[in-house]
Amino acid sequence: METYRFIENIMDEITVPEKGIWSQTLQRDGGAKVVIFGFAAGEELSEHTASVPAVLHFIDGKADVTLGSDRFTAKAGTWAYMPPKLPHSIRAETNVRLVLYLLPASN
């Protein structure tokens, strides 16, 4: 039996706290993982890496993002692919909603 998940509006699934960072795993299947995040304005995920390829998809808000040594401004609609082990960080300028896709590592 095939299973699926349909979400009409992903923004309705993401909680933005008054302070801090909220996250929830939305889906985990076949080596892929989807995590949704809500950042209160001013919150930051300091520089870190992921062991697998990943995609950041900003749904709402504005954030400073570093990918390696490059710095960007992310806003609603921003999409970024990151290879494994790329140092990255996110600092929310406003409340931010984003979806993180962790992809299966290729052999």
C-alpha atoms as a PDB file:
ATOM      1  CA  MET A   1       0.000   0.000   0.000  1.00  0.00           C
ATOM      2  CA  GLU A   2       1.380   3.377  -1.032  1.00  0.00           C
ATOM      3  CA  THR A   3       1.387   6.092   1.607  1.00  0.00           C
ATOM      4  CA  TYR A   4       1.726   9.803   1.122  1.00  0.00           C
ATOM      5  CA  ARG A   5       1.377  13.017   3.019  1.00  0.00           C
ATOM      6  CA  PHE A   6      -0.383  16.076   1.630  1.00  0.00           C
ATOM      7  CA  ILE A   7      -0.089  19.463   3.327  1.00  0.00           C
ATOM      8  CA  GLU A   8      -2.174  22.220   1.802  1.00  0.00           C
ATOM      9  CA  ASN A   9      -0.173  25.061   3.385  1.00  0.00           C
ATOM     10  CA  ILE A  10       3.179  24.294   5.007  1.00  0.00           C
ATOM     11  CA  MET A  11       3.099  27.621   6.878  1.00  0.00           C
ATOM     12  CA  ASP A  12       0.196  26.323   8.959  1.00  0.00           C
ATOM     13  CA  GLU A  13       2.428  23.490  10.224  1.00  0.00           C
ATOM     14  CA  ILE A  14       5.280  25.728  11.430  1.00  0.00           C
ATOM     15  CA  THR A  15       5.167  27.302  14.865  1.00  0.00           C
ATOM     16  CA  VAL A  16       7.191  30.477  15.411  1.00  0.00           C
ATOM     17  CA  PRO A  17       7.912  30.884  19.121  1.00  0.00           C
ATOM     18  CA  GLU A  18       8.102  34.251  20.896  1.00  0.00           C
ATOM     19  CA  LYS A  19      11.693  33.350  21.808  1.00  0.00           C
ATOM     20  CA  GLY A  20      13.964  30.590  20.639  1.00  0.00           C
ATOM     21  CA  ILE A  21      13.839  28.111  17.786  1.00  0.00           C
ATOM     22  CA  TRP A  22      11.104  25.515  17.286  1.00  0.00           C
ATOM     23  CA  SER A  23      11.623  22.430  15.111  1.00  0.00           C
ATOM     24  CA  GLN A  24       9.737  19.267  14.264  1.00  0.00           C
ATOM     25  CA  THR A  25      10.471  16.333  11.998  1.00  0.00           C
ATOM     26  CA  LEU A  26       7.735  16.377   9.390  1.00  0.00           C
ATOM     27  CA  GLN A  27       8.699  13.240   7.454  1.00  0.00           C
ATOM     28  CA  ARG A  28      11.355  10.538   7.558  1.00  0.00           C
ATOM     29  CA  ASP A  29      11.476   7.960   4.782  1.00  0.00           C
ATOM     30  CA  GLY A  30      14.097   6.054   2.795  1.00  0.00           C
ATOM     31  CA  GLY A  31      17.090   7.981   4.094  1.00  0.00           C
ATOM     32  CA  ALA A  32      15.458  11.374   3.538  1.00  0.00           C
ATOM     33  CA  LYS A  33      14.285  13.567   6.395  1.00  0.00           C
ATOM     34  CA  VAL A  34      12.204  16.750   6.339  1.00  0.00           C
ATOM     35  CA  VAL A  35      12.388  19.096   9.331  1.00  0.00           C
ATOM     36  CA  ILE A  36      10.360  22.288   9.725  1.00  0.00           C
ATOM     37  CA  PHE A  37      11.703  25.238  11.727  1.00  0.00           C
ATOM     38  CA  GLY A  38      10.312  28.406  13.253  1.00  0.00           C
ATOM     39  CA  PHE A  39      12.822  31.043  14.403  1.00  0.00           C
ATOM     40  CA  ALA A  40      11.914  34.013  16.567  1.00  0.00           C
ATOM     41  CA  ALA A  41      13.503  37.256  15.336  1.00  0.00           C
ATOM     42  CA  GLY A  42      17.106  37.543  16.500  1.00  0.00           C
ATOM     43  CA  GLU A  43      17.628  33.805  17.055  1.00  0.00           C
ATOM     44  CA  GLU A  44      20.579  32.001  15.523  1.00  0.00           C
ATOM     45  CA  LEU A  45      21.795  28.528  14.662  1.00  0.00           C
ATOM     46  CA  SER A  46      25.560  28.905  14.962  1.00  0.00           C
ATOM     47  CA  GLU A  47      27.890  27.450  12.365  1.00  0.00           C
ATOM     48  CA  HIS A  48      27.569  23.693  11.979  1.00  0.00           C
ATOM     49  CA  THR A  49      27.638  21.016   9.269  1.00  0.00           C
ATOM     50  CA  ALA A  50      25.458  18.129   8.109  1.00  0.00           C
ATOM     51  CA  SER A  51      26.854  14.721   7.176  1.00  0.00           C
ATOM     52  CA  VAL A  52      24.467  14.414   4.206  1.00  0.00           C
ATOM     53  CA  PRO A  53      23.376  16.740   1.378  1.00  0.00           C
ATOM     54  CA  ALA A  54      20.713  19.217   2.488  1.00  0.00           C
ATOM     55  CA  VAL A  55      18.351  21.846   1.105  1.00  0.00           C
ATOM     56  CA  LEU A  56      17.151  24.968   2.934  1.00  0.00           C
ATOM     57  CA  HIS A  57      13.817  26.347   1.711  1.00  0.00           C
ATOM     58  CA  PHE A  58      12.767  29.610   3.344  1.00  0.00           C
ATOM     59  CA  ILE A  59       8.992  29.944   3.514  1.00  0.00           C
ATOM     60  CA  ASP A  60       8.608  33.237   5.379  1.00  0.00           C
ATOM     61  CA  GLY A  61      10.700  35.986   6.969  1.00  0.00           C
ATOM     62  CA  LYS A  62      14.225  37.292   6.481  1.00  0.00           C
ATOM     63  CA  ALA A  63      17.510  35.777   7.662  1.00  0.00           C
ATOM     64  CA  ASP A  64      21.275  36.099   7.288  1.00  0.00           C
ATOM     65  CA  VAL A  65      22.678  32.815   6.016  1.00  0.00           C
ATOM     66  CA  THR A  66      26.283  31.721   5.657  1.00  0.00           C
ATOM     67  CA  LEU A  67      27.219  28.894   3.318  1.00  0.00           C
ATOM     68  CA  GLY A  68      30.919  28.190   3.654  1.00  0.00           C
ATOM     69  CA  SER A  69      32.591  31.609   3.549  1.00  0.00           C
ATOM     70  CA  ASP A  70      29.734  33.275   1.617  1.00  0.00           C
ATOM     71  CA  ARG A  71      26.995  35.341   3.254  1.00  0.00           C
ATOM     72  CA  PHE A  72      23.471  35.789   1.870  1.00  0.00           C
ATOM     73  CA  THR A  73      20.142  37.322   2.784  1.00  0.00           C
ATOM     74  CA  ALA A  74      17.354  34.744   2.644  1.00  0.00           C
ATOM     75  CA  LYS A  75      13.668  35.623   2.338  1.00  0.00           C
ATOM     76  CA  ALA A  76      10.433  33.876   1.412  1.00  0.00           C
ATOM     77  CA  GLY A  77      11.171  31.701  -1.593  1.00  0.00           C
ATOM     78  CA  THR A  78      14.951  31.419  -1.051  1.00  0.00           C
ATOM     79  CA  TRP A  79      16.274  27.927  -1.759  1.00  0.00           C
ATOM     80  CA  ALA A  80      19.824  26.674  -1.108  1.00  0.00           C
ATOM     81  CA  TYR A  81      21.482  23.311  -1.735  1.00  0.00           C
ATOM     82  CA  MET A  82      24.359  22.317   0.547  1.00  0.00           C
ATOM     83  CA  PRO A  83      26.752  19.432  -0.058  1.00  0.00           C
ATOM     84  CA  PRO A  84      27.742  17.283   2.927  1.00  0.00           C
ATOM     85  CA  LYS A  85      30.008  18.916   5.526  1.00  0.00           C
ATOM     86  CA  LEU A  86      29.506  22.492   4.269  1.00  0.00           C
ATOM     87  CA  PRO A  87      29.725  24.861   7.258  1.00  0.00           C
ATOM     88  CA  HIS A  88      26.582  26.973   7.479  1.00  0.00           C
ATOM     89  CA  SER A  89      24.660  29.171   9.909  1.00  0.00           C
ATOM     90  CA  ILE A  90      21.321  31.010  10.064  1.00  0.00           C
ATOM     91  CA  ARG A  91      20.418  34.186  11.954  1.00  0.00           C
ATOM     92  CA  ALA A  92      16.797  35.326  11.818  1.00  0.00           C
ATOM     93  CA  GLU A  93      16.367  39.076  11.258  1.00  0.00           C
ATOM     94  CA  THR A  94      12.582  38.671  11.495  1.00  0.00           C
ATOM     95  CA  ASN A  95      10.441  35.691  12.445  1.00  0.00           C
ATOM     96  CA  VAL A  96      11.411  32.940  10.006  1.00  0.00           C
ATOM     97  CA  ARG A  97       9.783  29.744   8.806  1.00  0.00           C
ATOM     98  CA  LEU A  98      11.879  27.275   6.863  1.00  0.00           C
ATOM     99  CA  VAL A  99      11.926  23.690   5.679  1.00  0.00           C
ATOM    100  CA  LEU A 100      15.129  21.635   5.841  1.00  0.00           C
ATOM    101  CA  TYR A 101      15.413  18.627   3.546  1.00  0.00           C
ATOM    102  CA  LEU A 102      18.147  16.135   4.521  1.00  0.00           C
ATOM    103  CA  LEU A 103      18.788  13.961   1.485  1.00  0.00           C
ATOM    104  CA  PRO A 104      20.125  10.423   1.328  1.00  0.00           C
ATOM    105  CA  ALA A 105      23.903  10.354   0.957  1.00  0.00           C
ATOM    106  CA  SER A 106      25.034   9.093  -2.439  1.00  0.00           C
ATOM    107  CA  ASN A 107      27.427   6.173  -2.533  1.00  0.00           C
END
